[in-house]
Amino acid sequence: MKVLVVGGTGALGGHAAIHLAAQGHDVSIGGRNPANPATPMAAMPFVQGNYVAGDYTPDRLSGFDWVVFAAGNDPRHVPQGADFAEFLIKANHEAVPAFFAACREAGVSRAVQLGSYYHQAAPHLLEGNSYIRSRKAACEGARAQGAAGFDVMSVNAPFMVGSVPGLPSAIFEPYVQWAKGQIPIPAFAPTGGTNFMSFLSLSEAILGALERGEPGKAYLVGDENLSFREYFQLFFDAVGSDVQVEERDEEMPLLPDIAIPQGRGNWVRVDPPADEVALLGYRRHDVAQAVADVAAQFGGAAG
């Protein structure tokens, strides 16, 4: 199939693009800027555009069989001086459904919207978090554009871990440096935990949704429910350190409280139905391997 991965210059979209290409699909990537030249995505056809600005018109989307929407907007993307809440409405409540409407008009047959898990796994967080509400609106708005001949599915993912060859990571590279003793932060994790999933598992789920997903379905995907202590311990183990991570009820600089919407000390668990895991065809118990891959890419053994 001829596939466009919007957001394909980033980590999750880039990994999905590489995975789809490895399965024999003709993959193009879309984004605001071209792919990092050190990554495999740089060799793929590039469609430059900003979905928030409406750049992906039906004419530009014409000819693609499948579309993966892996783009997203968070506080990093808000224009200077703009109101965050207003920007979320424009980006997620309005621009995402408009993008999928353009896909329908272009003759795309199947599309996947990659979303976040919170509104399905922890709906009680919706009331107090405008960002989570906006991700729910994007999920629902994208699927609402489905019609006869245009199938739209959402794949809503938890905390992700993994690497893309040649792509830097502002999250995982510091984790590896910390585990190697190169960042002077004590070896501790905040209380609580959540579900974690590897890039590879997610890419398999995206492909499974494109191939076999039920039109209009929002799939809550996930792999392992781990405490933050268990998760961080994987990084120390992966670099060959014998340090044991402690659990403390205090803010952790590498995972600040703002990055834990459920609140420090609380959990968001995901237990995906076995029939949905089988339908989408993604692997389980892959988090430790993903962390090992991250450690190998960003630093190897402890010093």
C-alpha atoms as a PDB file:
ATOM      1  CA  MET A   1       0.000   0.000   0.000  1.00  0.00           C
ATOM      2  CA  LYS A   2       1.012   3.617  -0.476  1.00  0.00           C
ATOM      3  CA  VAL A   3       1.142   5.044   3.043  1.00  0.00           C
ATOM      4  CA  LEU A   4       1.621   8.533   4.451  1.00  0.00           C
ATOM      5  CA  VAL A   5       2.800   8.830   8.050  1.00  0.00           C
ATOM      6  CA  VAL A   6       2.134  12.364   9.275  1.00  0.00           C
ATOM      7  CA  GLY A   7       4.459  12.996  12.180  1.00  0.00           C
ATOM      8  CA  GLY A   8       6.853  10.508  10.605  1.00  0.00           C
ATOM      9  CA  THR A   9       9.897  12.615  11.443  1.00  0.00           C
ATOM     10  CA  GLY A  10       9.410  11.992  15.168  1.00  0.00           C
ATOM     11  CA  ALA A  11      10.018   8.965  17.334  1.00  0.00           C
ATOM     12  CA  LEU A  12       6.690   7.106  17.260  1.00  0.00           C
ATOM     13  CA  GLY A  13       5.747   8.096  13.729  1.00  0.00           C
ATOM     14  CA  GLY A  14       9.272   7.461  12.514  1.00  0.00           C
ATOM     15  CA  HIS A  15       9.365   3.991  14.025  1.00  0.00           C
ATOM     16  CA  ALA A  16       5.969   3.201  12.501  1.00  0.00           C
ATOM     17  CA  ALA A  17       7.196   4.429   9.094  1.00  0.00           C
ATOM     18  CA  ILE A  18      10.290   2.212   9.283  1.00  0.00           C
ATOM     19  CA  HIS A  19       8.170  -0.779  10.362  1.00  0.00           C
ATOM     20  CA  LEU A  20       5.633  -0.283   7.581  1.00  0.00           C
ATOM     21  CA  ALA A  21       8.398   0.058   5.007  1.00  0.00           C
ATOM     22  CA  ALA A  22      10.010  -3.142   6.293  1.00  0.00           C
ATOM     23  CA  GLN A  23       6.724  -4.939   5.610  1.00  0.00           C
ATOM     24  CA  GLY A  24       6.901  -3.887   1.962  1.00  0.00           C
ATOM     25  CA  HIS A  25       4.705  -0.795   1.957  1.00  0.00           C
ATOM     26  CA  ASP A  26       5.538   2.347  -0.026  1.00  0.00           C
ATOM     27  CA  VAL A  27       5.934   4.860   2.803  1.00  0.00           C
ATOM     28  CA  SER A  28       6.131   8.650   2.704  1.00  0.00           C
ATOM     29  CA  ILE A  29       6.483  10.837   5.766  1.00  0.00           C
ATOM     30  CA  GLY A  30       4.892  14.178   6.536  1.00  0.00           C
ATOM     31  CA  GLY A  31       5.968  16.841   8.988  1.00  0.00           C
ATOM     32  CA  ARG A  32       6.811  20.464   9.584  1.00  0.00           C
ATOM     33  CA  ASN A  33      10.486  19.844   8.823  1.00  0.00           C
ATOM     34  CA  PRO A  34      12.407  17.131   6.959  1.00  0.00           C
ATOM     35  CA  ALA A  35      13.596  14.055   8.834  1.00  0.00           C
ATOM     36  CA  ASN A  36      16.894  14.036  10.679  1.00  0.00           C
ATOM     37  CA  PRO A  37      19.437  13.071   7.979  1.00  0.00           C
ATOM     38  CA  ALA A  38      20.927  10.406  10.274  1.00  0.00           C
ATOM     39  CA  THR A  39      17.647   8.463  10.403  1.00  0.00           C
ATOM     40  CA  PRO A  40      16.158   5.953   7.953  1.00  0.00           C
ATOM     41  CA  MET A  41      13.199   8.299   7.437  1.00  0.00           C
ATOM     42  CA  ALA A  42      15.478  10.713   5.560  1.00  0.00           C
ATOM     43  CA  ALA A  43      15.491   8.296   2.632  1.00  0.00           C
ATOM     44  CA  MET A  44      11.685   8.270   2.395  1.00  0.00           C
ATOM     45  CA  PRO A  45       9.655  10.711   0.270  1.00  0.00           C
ATOM     46  CA  PHE A  46       8.774  13.793   2.306  1.00  0.00           C
ATOM     47  CA  VAL A  47       5.534  15.777   2.296  1.00  0.00           C
ATOM     48  CA  GLN A  48       6.111  19.035   4.141  1.00  0.00           C
ATOM     49  CA  GLY A  49       3.161  20.492   5.980  1.00  0.00           C
ATOM     50  CA  ASN A  50       1.567  21.596   9.224  1.00  0.00           C
ATOM     51  CA  TYR A  51      -1.804  19.998   9.822  1.00  0.00           C
ATOM     52  CA  VAL A  52      -2.816  22.777  12.243  1.00  0.00           C
ATOM     53  CA  ALA A  53      -2.442  25.265   9.393  1.00  0.00           C
ATOM     54  CA  GLY A  54      -4.518  23.068   7.070  1.00  0.00           C
ATOM     55  CA  ASP A  55      -1.590  22.285   4.762  1.00  0.00           C
ATOM     56  CA  TYR A  56      -2.728  18.719   4.081  1.00  0.00           C
ATOM     57  CA  THR A  57      -5.439  19.401   1.530  1.00  0.00           C
ATOM     58  CA  PRO A  58      -7.303  16.647  -0.340  1.00  0.00           C
ATOM     59  CA  ASP A  59      -5.165  17.345  -3.411  1.00  0.00           C
ATOM     60  CA  ARG A  60      -1.957  16.726  -1.455  1.00  0.00           C
ATOM     61  CA  LEU A  61      -3.355  13.579   0.155  1.00  0.00           C
ATOM     62  CA  SER A  62      -4.670  12.131  -3.086  1.00  0.00           C
ATOM     63  CA  GLY A  63      -3.000   8.884  -4.113  1.00  0.00           C
ATOM     64  CA  PHE A  64      -2.362   7.522  -0.632  1.00  0.00           C
ATOM     65  CA  ASP A  65      -4.160   4.297   0.306  1.00  0.00           C
ATOM     66  CA  TRP A  66      -3.477   4.469   4.027  1.00  0.00           C
ATOM     67  CA  VAL A  67      -2.626   7.297   6.418  1.00  0.00           C
ATOM     68  CA  VAL A  68      -1.109   7.152   9.887  1.00  0.00           C
ATOM     69  CA  PHE A  69      -1.597  10.334  11.902  1.00  0.00           C
ATOM     70  CA  ALA A  70       1.182  10.353  14.498  1.00  0.00           C
ATOM     71  CA  ALA A  71       1.528  14.110  14.822  1.00  0.00           C
ATOM     72  CA  GLY A  72       0.692  15.857  18.031  1.00  0.00           C
ATOM     73  CA  ASN A  73       0.787  19.132  19.854  1.00  0.00           C
ATOM     74  CA  ASP A  74       1.763  19.754  23.449  1.00  0.00           C
ATOM     75  CA  PRO A  75       3.212  22.734  25.358  1.00  0.00           C
ATOM     76  CA  ARG A  76       6.402  22.593  23.249  1.00  0.00           C
ATOM     77  CA  HIS A  77       4.473  23.533  20.118  1.00  0.00           C
ATOM     78  CA  VAL A  78       2.461  26.488  21.404  1.00  0.00           C
ATOM     79  CA  PRO A  79       3.483  29.693  19.583  1.00  0.00           C
ATOM     80  CA  GLN A  80       5.105  32.271  21.810  1.00  0.00           C
ATOM     81  CA  GLY A  81       2.489  34.384  23.525  1.00  0.00           C
ATOM     82  CA  ALA A  82      -0.394  32.096  22.546  1.00  0.00           C
ATOM     83  CA  ASP A  83      -2.948  30.807  25.031  1.00  0.00           C
ATOM     84  CA  PHE A  84      -2.407  27.092  25.647  1.00  0.00           C
ATOM     85  CA  ALA A  85      -6.091  26.224  26.009  1.00  0.00           C
ATOM     86  CA  GLU A  86      -7.019  28.073  22.827  1.00  0.00           C
ATOM     87  CA  PHE A  87      -4.162  26.424  20.968  1.00  0.00           C
ATOM     88  CA  LEU A  88      -5.335  22.963  22.082  1.00  0.00           C
ATOM     89  CA  ILE A  89      -8.814  23.669  20.735  1.00  0.00           C
ATOM     90  CA  LYS A  90      -7.382  24.705  17.393  1.00  0.00           C
ATOM     91  CA  ALA A  91      -4.882  21.853  17.162  1.00  0.00           C
ATOM     92  CA  ASN A  92      -6.836  18.908  18.555  1.00  0.00           C
ATOM     93  CA  HIS A  93     -10.551  19.753  18.649  1.00  0.00           C
ATOM     94  CA  GLU A  94     -10.581  21.369  15.189  1.00  0.00           C
ATOM     95  CA  ALA A  95      -7.506  20.601  13.076  1.00  0.00           C
ATOM     96  CA  VAL A  96      -7.388  16.840  13.654  1.00  0.00           C
ATOM     97  CA  PRO A  97     -10.964  16.192  12.460  1.00  0.00           C
ATOM     98  CA  ALA A  98     -10.346  18.555   9.539  1.00  0.00           C
ATOM     99  CA  PHE A  99      -7.275  16.535   8.568  1.00  0.00           C
ATOM    100  CA  PHE A 100      -9.260  13.287   8.534  1.00  0.00           C
ATOM    101  CA  ALA A 101     -12.052  14.941   6.553  1.00  0.00           C
ATOM    102  CA  ALA A 102      -9.418  15.871   3.963  1.00  0.00           C
ATOM    103  CA  CYS A 103      -8.246  12.237   3.913  1.00  0.00           C
ATOM    104  CA  ARG A 104     -11.802  11.119   3.202  1.00  0.00           C
ATOM    105  CA  GLU A 105     -12.191  13.626   0.384  1.00  0.00           C
ATOM    106  CA  ALA A 106      -8.829  12.516  -1.036  1.00  0.00           C
ATOM    107  CA  GLY A 107      -9.966   8.899  -1.384  1.00  0.00           C
ATOM    108  CA  VAL A 108      -7.833   7.419   1.404  1.00  0.00           C
ATOM    109  CA  SER A 109      -9.287   4.015   2.309  1.00  0.00           C
ATOM    110  CA  ARG A 110      -7.997   3.457   5.866  1.00  0.00           C
ATOM    111  CA  ALA A 111      -6.415   5.685   8.484  1.00  0.00           C
ATOM    112  CA  VAL A 112      -5.139   5.376  12.036  1.00  0.00           C
ATOM    113  CA  GLN A 113      -5.096   8.208  14.549  1.00  0.00           C
ATOM    114  CA  LEU A 114      -2.380   7.663  17.147  1.00  0.00           C
ATOM    115  CA  GLY A 115      -3.590   9.007  20.459  1.00  0.00           C
ATOM    116  CA  SER A 116      -3.026   8.993  24.202  1.00  0.00           C
ATOM    117  CA  TYR A 117      -4.401   6.477  26.681  1.00  0.00           C
ATOM    118  CA  TYR A 118      -5.521   8.672  29.542  1.00  0.00           C
ATOM    119  CA  HIS A 119      -9.111   9.339  28.507  1.00  0.00           C
ATOM    120  CA  GLN A 120      -9.770   5.605  28.106  1.00  0.00           C
ATOM    121  CA  ALA A 121      -7.619   4.211  30.912  1.00  0.00           C
ATOM    122  CA  ALA A 122      -8.276   6.968  33.489  1.00  0.00           C
ATOM    123  CA  PRO A 123     -11.381   8.936  32.473  1.00  0.00           C
ATOM    124  CA  HIS A 124     -11.572  10.543  35.925  1.00  0.00           C
ATOM    125  CA  LEU A 125      -8.629  12.730  34.840  1.00  0.00           C
ATOM    126  CA  LEU A 126     -10.655  14.419  32.107  1.00  0.00           C
ATOM    127  CA  GLU A 127     -12.358  16.968  34.339  1.00  0.00           C
ATOM    128  CA  GLY A 128      -9.180  18.557  35.609  1.00  0.00           C
ATOM    129  CA  ASN A 129      -6.921  18.382  32.568  1.00  0.00           C
ATOM    130  CA  SER A 130      -7.617  20.338  29.371  1.00  0.00           C
ATOM    131  CA  TYR A 131      -4.819  18.570  27.516  1.00  0.00           C
ATOM    132  CA  ILE A 132      -6.353  15.135  28.140  1.00  0.00           C
ATOM    133  CA  ARG A 133      -9.760  16.497  27.120  1.00  0.00           C
ATOM    134  CA  SER A 134      -8.236  17.759  23.881  1.00  0.00           C
ATOM    135  CA  ARG A 135      -6.690  14.371  23.122  1.00  0.00           C
ATOM    136  CA  LYS A 136     -10.091  12.752  23.670  1.00  0.00           C
ATOM    137  CA  ALA A 137     -11.624  15.291  21.282  1.00  0.00           C
ATOM    138  CA  ALA A 138      -8.975  14.471  18.662  1.00  0.00           C
ATOM    139  CA  CYS A 139      -9.643  10.744  19.039  1.00  0.00           C
ATOM    140  CA  GLU A 140     -13.399  11.135  18.722  1.00  0.00           C
ATOM    141  CA  GLY A 141     -13.224  13.809  16.033  1.00  0.00           C
ATOM    142  CA  ALA A 142     -10.933  11.764  13.812  1.00  0.00           C
ATOM    143  CA  ARG A 143     -13.139   8.673  13.959  1.00  0.00           C
ATOM    144  CA  ALA A 144     -16.263  10.762  13.347  1.00  0.00           C
ATOM    145  CA  GLN A 145     -14.948  11.492   9.836  1.00  0.00           C
ATOM    146  CA  GLY A 146     -15.150   7.838   8.852  1.00  0.00           C
ATOM    147  CA  ALA A 147     -17.608   6.903   6.138  1.00  0.00           C
ATOM    148  CA  ALA A 148     -18.294   4.155   3.648  1.00  0.00           C
ATOM    149  CA  GLY A 149     -14.981   3.466   1.935  1.00  0.00           C
ATOM    150  CA  PHE A 150     -13.000   5.390   4.552  1.00  0.00           C
ATOM    151  CA  ASP A 151     -12.244   3.450   7.743  1.00  0.00           C
ATOM    152  CA  VAL A 152     -10.771   5.325  10.708  1.00  0.00           C
ATOM    153  CA  MET A 153      -9.403   3.686  13.850  1.00  0.00           C
ATOM    154  CA  SER A 154      -7.653   5.159  16.882  1.00  0.00           C
ATOM    155  CA  VAL A 155      -4.752   3.476  18.644  1.00  0.00           C
ATOM    156  CA  ASN A 156      -4.339   5.011  22.103  1.00  0.00           C
ATOM    157  CA  ALA A 157      -0.960   4.306  23.644  1.00  0.00           C
ATOM    158  CA  PRO A 158       0.504   4.525  27.174  1.00  0.00           C
ATOM    159  CA  PHE A 159       4.042   5.590  28.251  1.00  0.00           C
ATOM    160  CA  MET A 160       6.305   4.661  25.367  1.00  0.00           C
ATOM    161  CA  VAL A 161       9.913   3.499  25.387  1.00  0.00           C
ATOM    162  CA  GLY A 162      12.197   2.757  22.457  1.00  0.00           C
ATOM    163  CA  SER A 163      14.574   4.208  19.927  1.00  0.00           C
ATOM    164  CA  VAL A 164      14.857   5.082  16.262  1.00  0.00           C
ATOM    165  CA  PRO A 165      18.287   4.697  14.635  1.00  0.00           C
ATOM    166  CA  GLY A 166      20.025   8.059  14.406  1.00  0.00           C
ATOM    167  CA  LEU A 167      17.294   9.990  16.227  1.00  0.00           C
ATOM    168  CA  PRO A 168      18.289  11.821  19.433  1.00  0.00           C
ATOM    169  CA  SER A 169      16.004  11.624  22.457  1.00  0.00           C
ATOM    170  CA  ALA A 170      15.628  14.353  25.057  1.00  0.00           C
ATOM    171  CA  ILE A 171      14.031  11.781  27.363  1.00  0.00           C
ATOM    172  CA  PHE A 172      15.942   8.544  26.995  1.00  0.00           C
ATOM    173  CA  GLU A 173      19.470   9.828  26.497  1.00  0.00           C
ATOM    174  CA  PRO A 174      19.443  11.501  29.944  1.00  0.00           C
ATOM    175  CA  TYR A 175      17.985   8.328  31.479  1.00  0.00           C
ATOM    176  CA  VAL A 176      20.945   6.338  30.158  1.00  0.00           C
ATOM    177  CA  GLN A 177      23.460   8.962  31.283  1.00  0.00           C
ATOM    178  CA  TRP A 178      21.845   8.981  34.743  1.00  0.00           C
ATOM    179  CA  ALA A 179      21.979   5.190  34.999  1.00  0.00           C
ATOM    180  CA  LYS A 180      25.669   5.325  34.058  1.00  0.00           C
ATOM    181  CA  GLY A 181      26.348   7.761  36.882  1.00  0.00           C
ATOM    182  CA  GLN A 182      26.929  10.740  34.616  1.00  0.00           C
ATOM    183  CA  ILE A 183      24.075  12.884  35.987  1.00  0.00           C
ATOM    184  CA  PRO A 184      24.278  13.725  39.708  1.00  0.00           C
ATOM    185  CA  ILE A 185      20.755  12.743  40.674  1.00  0.00           C
ATOM    186  CA  PRO A 186      20.194  10.029  43.316  1.00  0.00           C
ATOM    187  CA  ALA A 187      18.935   6.686  42.057  1.00  0.00           C
ATOM    188  CA  PHE A 188      15.301   6.977  43.028  1.00  0.00           C
ATOM    189  CA  ALA A 189      11.890   6.933  41.421  1.00  0.00           C
ATOM    190  CA  PRO A 190       8.656   8.628  42.443  1.00  0.00           C
ATOM    191  CA  THR A 191       5.912   6.513  43.913  1.00  0.00           C
ATOM    192  CA  GLY A 192       3.181   5.191  41.645  1.00  0.00           C
ATOM    193  CA  GLY A 193       3.333   3.736  38.179  1.00  0.00           C
ATOM    194  CA  THR A 194       1.640   3.216  34.864  1.00  0.00           C
ATOM    195  CA  ASN A 195       1.600   1.097  31.738  1.00  0.00           C
ATOM    196  CA  PHE A 196       4.610   1.000  29.442  1.00  0.00           C
ATOM    197  CA  MET A 197       4.900  -0.189  25.856  1.00  0.00           C
ATOM    198  CA  SER A 198       7.752  -0.472  23.366  1.00  0.00           C
ATOM    199  CA  PHE A 199       7.960   1.422  20.093  1.00  0.00           C
ATOM    200  CA  LEU A 200       8.012  -1.916  18.290  1.00  0.00           C
ATOM    201  CA  SER A 201       4.849  -3.179  19.967  1.00  0.00           C
ATOM    202  CA  LEU A 202       3.084   0.053  19.055  1.00  0.00           C
ATOM    203  CA  SER A 203       4.250  -0.064  15.431  1.00  0.00           C
ATOM    204  CA  GLU A 204       2.898  -3.610  15.196  1.00  0.00           C
ATOM    205  CA  ALA A 205      -0.424  -2.442  16.655  1.00  0.00           C
ATOM    206  CA  ILE A 206      -0.636   0.411  14.140  1.00  0.00           C
ATOM    207  CA  LEU A 207      -0.036  -1.953  11.236  1.00  0.00           C
ATOM    208  CA  GLY A 208      -2.566  -4.399  12.662  1.00  0.00           C
ATOM    209  CA  ALA A 209      -5.166  -1.639  12.903  1.00  0.00           C
ATOM    210  CA  LEU A 210      -4.543  -0.635   9.289  1.00  0.00           C
ATOM    211  CA  GLU A 211      -4.853  -4.218   8.109  1.00  0.00           C
ATOM    212  CA  ARG A 212      -7.594  -5.613  10.344  1.00  0.00           C
ATOM    213  CA  GLY A 213      -8.968  -2.913  12.631  1.00  0.00           C
ATOM    214  CA  GLU A 214     -12.699  -2.431  13.063  1.00  0.00           C
ATOM    215  CA  PRO A 215     -13.845   0.838  11.486  1.00  0.00           C
ATOM    216  CA  GLY A 216     -14.641   3.463  14.100  1.00  0.00           C
ATOM    217  CA  LYS A 217     -12.937   1.566  16.928  1.00  0.00           C
ATOM    218  CA  ALA A 218     -10.678   3.192  19.534  1.00  0.00           C
ATOM    219  CA  TYR A 219      -8.141   0.607  20.660  1.00  0.00           C
ATOM    220  CA  LEU A 220      -6.570   1.046  24.087  1.00  0.00           C
ATOM    221  CA  VAL A 221      -3.206  -0.674  23.717  1.00  0.00           C
ATOM    222  CA  GLY A 222      -0.496  -1.390  26.255  1.00  0.00           C
ATOM    223  CA  ASP A 223       2.020  -3.875  27.507  1.00  0.00           C
ATOM    224  CA  GLU A 224       3.346  -3.948  31.082  1.00  0.00           C
ATOM    225  CA  ASN A 225       2.048  -2.270  34.234  1.00  0.00           C
ATOM    226  CA  LEU A 226       5.199  -1.230  36.105  1.00  0.00           C
ATOM    227  CA  SER A 227       5.959   0.993  39.046  1.00  0.00           C
ATOM    228  CA  PHE A 228       8.196   3.906  38.156  1.00  0.00           C
ATOM    229  CA  ARG A 229      10.845   2.248  40.336  1.00  0.00           C
ATOM    230  CA  GLU A 230      10.644  -0.971  38.308  1.00  0.00           C
ATOM    231  CA  TYR A 231      10.803   1.030  35.086  1.00  0.00           C
ATOM    232  CA  PHE A 232      13.870   3.043  36.057  1.00  0.00           C
ATOM    233  CA  GLN A 233      15.569  -0.077  37.388  1.00  0.00           C
ATOM    234  CA  LEU A 234      15.489  -1.464  33.852  1.00  0.00           C
ATOM    235  CA  PHE A 235      17.801   1.348  32.727  1.00  0.00           C
ATOM    236  CA  PHE A 236      20.355   0.629  35.462  1.00  0.00           C
ATOM    237  CA  ASP A 237      20.217  -3.078  34.653  1.00  0.00           C
ATOM    238  CA  ALA A 238      20.611  -2.378  30.930  1.00  0.00           C
ATOM    239  CA  VAL A 239      23.851  -0.437  31.389  1.00  0.00           C
ATOM    240  CA  GLY A 240      25.289  -3.094  33.682  1.00  0.00           C
ATOM    241  CA  SER A 241      24.985  -1.131  36.913  1.00  0.00           C
ATOM    242  CA  ASP A 242      24.405  -2.918  40.211  1.00  0.00           C
ATOM    243  CA  VAL A 243      22.686   0.150  41.708  1.00  0.00           C
ATOM    244  CA  GLN A 244      19.222  -0.529  43.103  1.00  0.00           C
ATOM    245  CA  VAL A 245      16.682   2.227  42.491  1.00  0.00           C
ATOM    246  CA  GLU A 246      14.797   3.415  45.560  1.00  0.00           C
ATOM    247  CA  GLU A 247      11.187   4.550  45.686  1.00  0.00           C
ATOM    248  CA  ARG A 248      10.578   7.964  47.233  1.00  0.00           C
ATOM    249  CA  ASP A 249       7.474  10.083  47.596  1.00  0.00           C
ATOM    250  CA  GLU A 250       9.165  13.153  46.151  1.00  0.00           C
ATOM    251  CA  GLU A 251       9.465  14.850  42.791  1.00  0.00           C
ATOM    252  CA  MET A 252      12.018  13.291  40.451  1.00  0.00           C
ATOM    253  CA  PRO A 253      13.759  15.788  38.117  1.00  0.00           C
ATOM    254  CA  LEU A 254      13.873  13.330  35.199  1.00  0.00           C
ATOM    255  CA  LEU A 255      10.165  12.534  35.615  1.00  0.00           C
ATOM    256  CA  PRO A 256       8.671  15.714  37.103  1.00  0.00           C
ATOM    257  CA  ASP A 257       5.229  15.728  38.652  1.00  0.00           C
ATOM    258  CA  ILE A 258       3.819  17.623  35.669  1.00  0.00           C
ATOM    259  CA  ALA A 259       4.535  14.526  33.560  1.00  0.00           C
ATOM    260  CA  ILE A 260       2.411  12.340  35.870  1.00  0.00           C
ATOM    261  CA  PRO A 261      -1.174  13.466  35.227  1.00  0.00           C
ATOM    262  CA  GLN A 262      -2.656  10.961  37.667  1.00  0.00           C
ATOM    263  CA  GLY A 263      -0.521  12.463  40.419  1.00  0.00           C
ATOM    264  CA  ARG A 264       2.582  11.107  42.079  1.00  0.00           C
ATOM    265  CA  GLY A 265       1.811   7.969  44.077  1.00  0.00           C
ATOM    266  CA  ASN A 266      -1.087   6.941  41.843  1.00  0.00           C
ATOM    267  CA  TRP A 267      -1.364   4.434  39.016  1.00  0.00           C
ATOM    268  CA  VAL A 268      -2.881   4.256  35.548  1.00  0.00           C
ATOM    269  CA  ARG A 269      -3.065   0.601  34.575  1.00  0.00           C
ATOM    270  CA  VAL A 270      -3.915  -0.905  31.195  1.00  0.00           C
ATOM    271  CA  ASP A 271      -5.027  -4.494  30.733  1.00  0.00           C
ATOM    272  CA  PRO A 272      -5.760  -4.792  27.008  1.00  0.00           C
ATOM    273  CA  PRO A 273      -8.284  -7.468  26.050  1.00  0.00           C
ATOM    274  CA  ALA A 274      -6.573 -10.587  24.714  1.00  0.00           C
ATOM    275  CA  ASP A 275      -8.793 -10.633  21.636  1.00  0.00           C
ATOM    276  CA  GLU A 276      -7.771  -7.078  20.704  1.00  0.00           C
ATOM    277  CA  VAL A 277      -4.085  -7.863  21.230  1.00  0.00           C
ATOM    278  CA  ALA A 278      -4.474 -10.876  18.940  1.00  0.00           C
ATOM    279  CA  LEU A 279      -6.405  -8.888  16.334  1.00  0.00           C
ATOM    280  CA  LEU A 280      -3.821  -6.115  16.173  1.00  0.00           C
ATOM    281  CA  GLY A 281      -0.998  -8.635  16.410  1.00  0.00           C
ATOM    282  CA  TYR A 282       1.398  -6.812  18.711  1.00  0.00           C
ATOM    283  CA  ARG A 283       3.933  -8.398  21.016  1.00  0.00           C
ATOM    284  CA  ARG A 284       3.843  -8.258  24.819  1.00  0.00           C
ATOM    285  CA  HIS A 285       6.599  -8.265  27.450  1.00  0.00           C
ATOM    286  CA  ASP A 286       8.871  -6.147  25.268  1.00  0.00           C
ATOM    287  CA  VAL A 287       9.672  -3.252  27.605  1.00  0.00           C
ATOM    288  CA  ALA A 288      12.978  -4.599  28.957  1.00  0.00           C
ATOM    289  CA  GLN A 289      14.191  -5.244  25.413  1.00  0.00           C
ATOM    290  CA  ALA A 290      13.202  -1.724  24.389  1.00  0.00           C
ATOM    291  CA  VAL A 291      15.161  -0.286  27.311  1.00  0.00           C
ATOM    292  CA  ALA A 292      18.163  -2.427  26.350  1.00  0.00           C
ATOM    293  CA  ASP A 293      17.964  -1.038  22.813  1.00  0.00           C
ATOM    294  CA  VAL A 294      17.810   2.508  24.188  1.00  0.00           C
ATOM    295  CA  ALA A 295      20.849   1.873  26.390  1.00  0.00           C
ATOM    296  CA  ALA A 296      22.789   0.447  23.453  1.00  0.00           C
ATOM    297  CA  GLN A 297      21.977   3.465  21.274  1.00  0.00           C
ATOM    298  CA  PHE A 298      22.689   6.133  23.861  1.00  0.00           C
ATOM    299  CA  GLY A 299      25.639   4.920  25.841  1.00  0.00           C
ATOM    300  CA  GLY A 300      26.234   1.271  26.512  1.00  0.00           C
ATOM    301  CA  ALA A 301      27.720   0.048  29.781  1.00  0.00           C
ATOM    302  CA  ALA A 302      28.079   2.006  33.014  1.00  0.00           C
ATOM    303  CA  GLY A 303      31.295   3.890  33.626  1.00  0.00           C
END
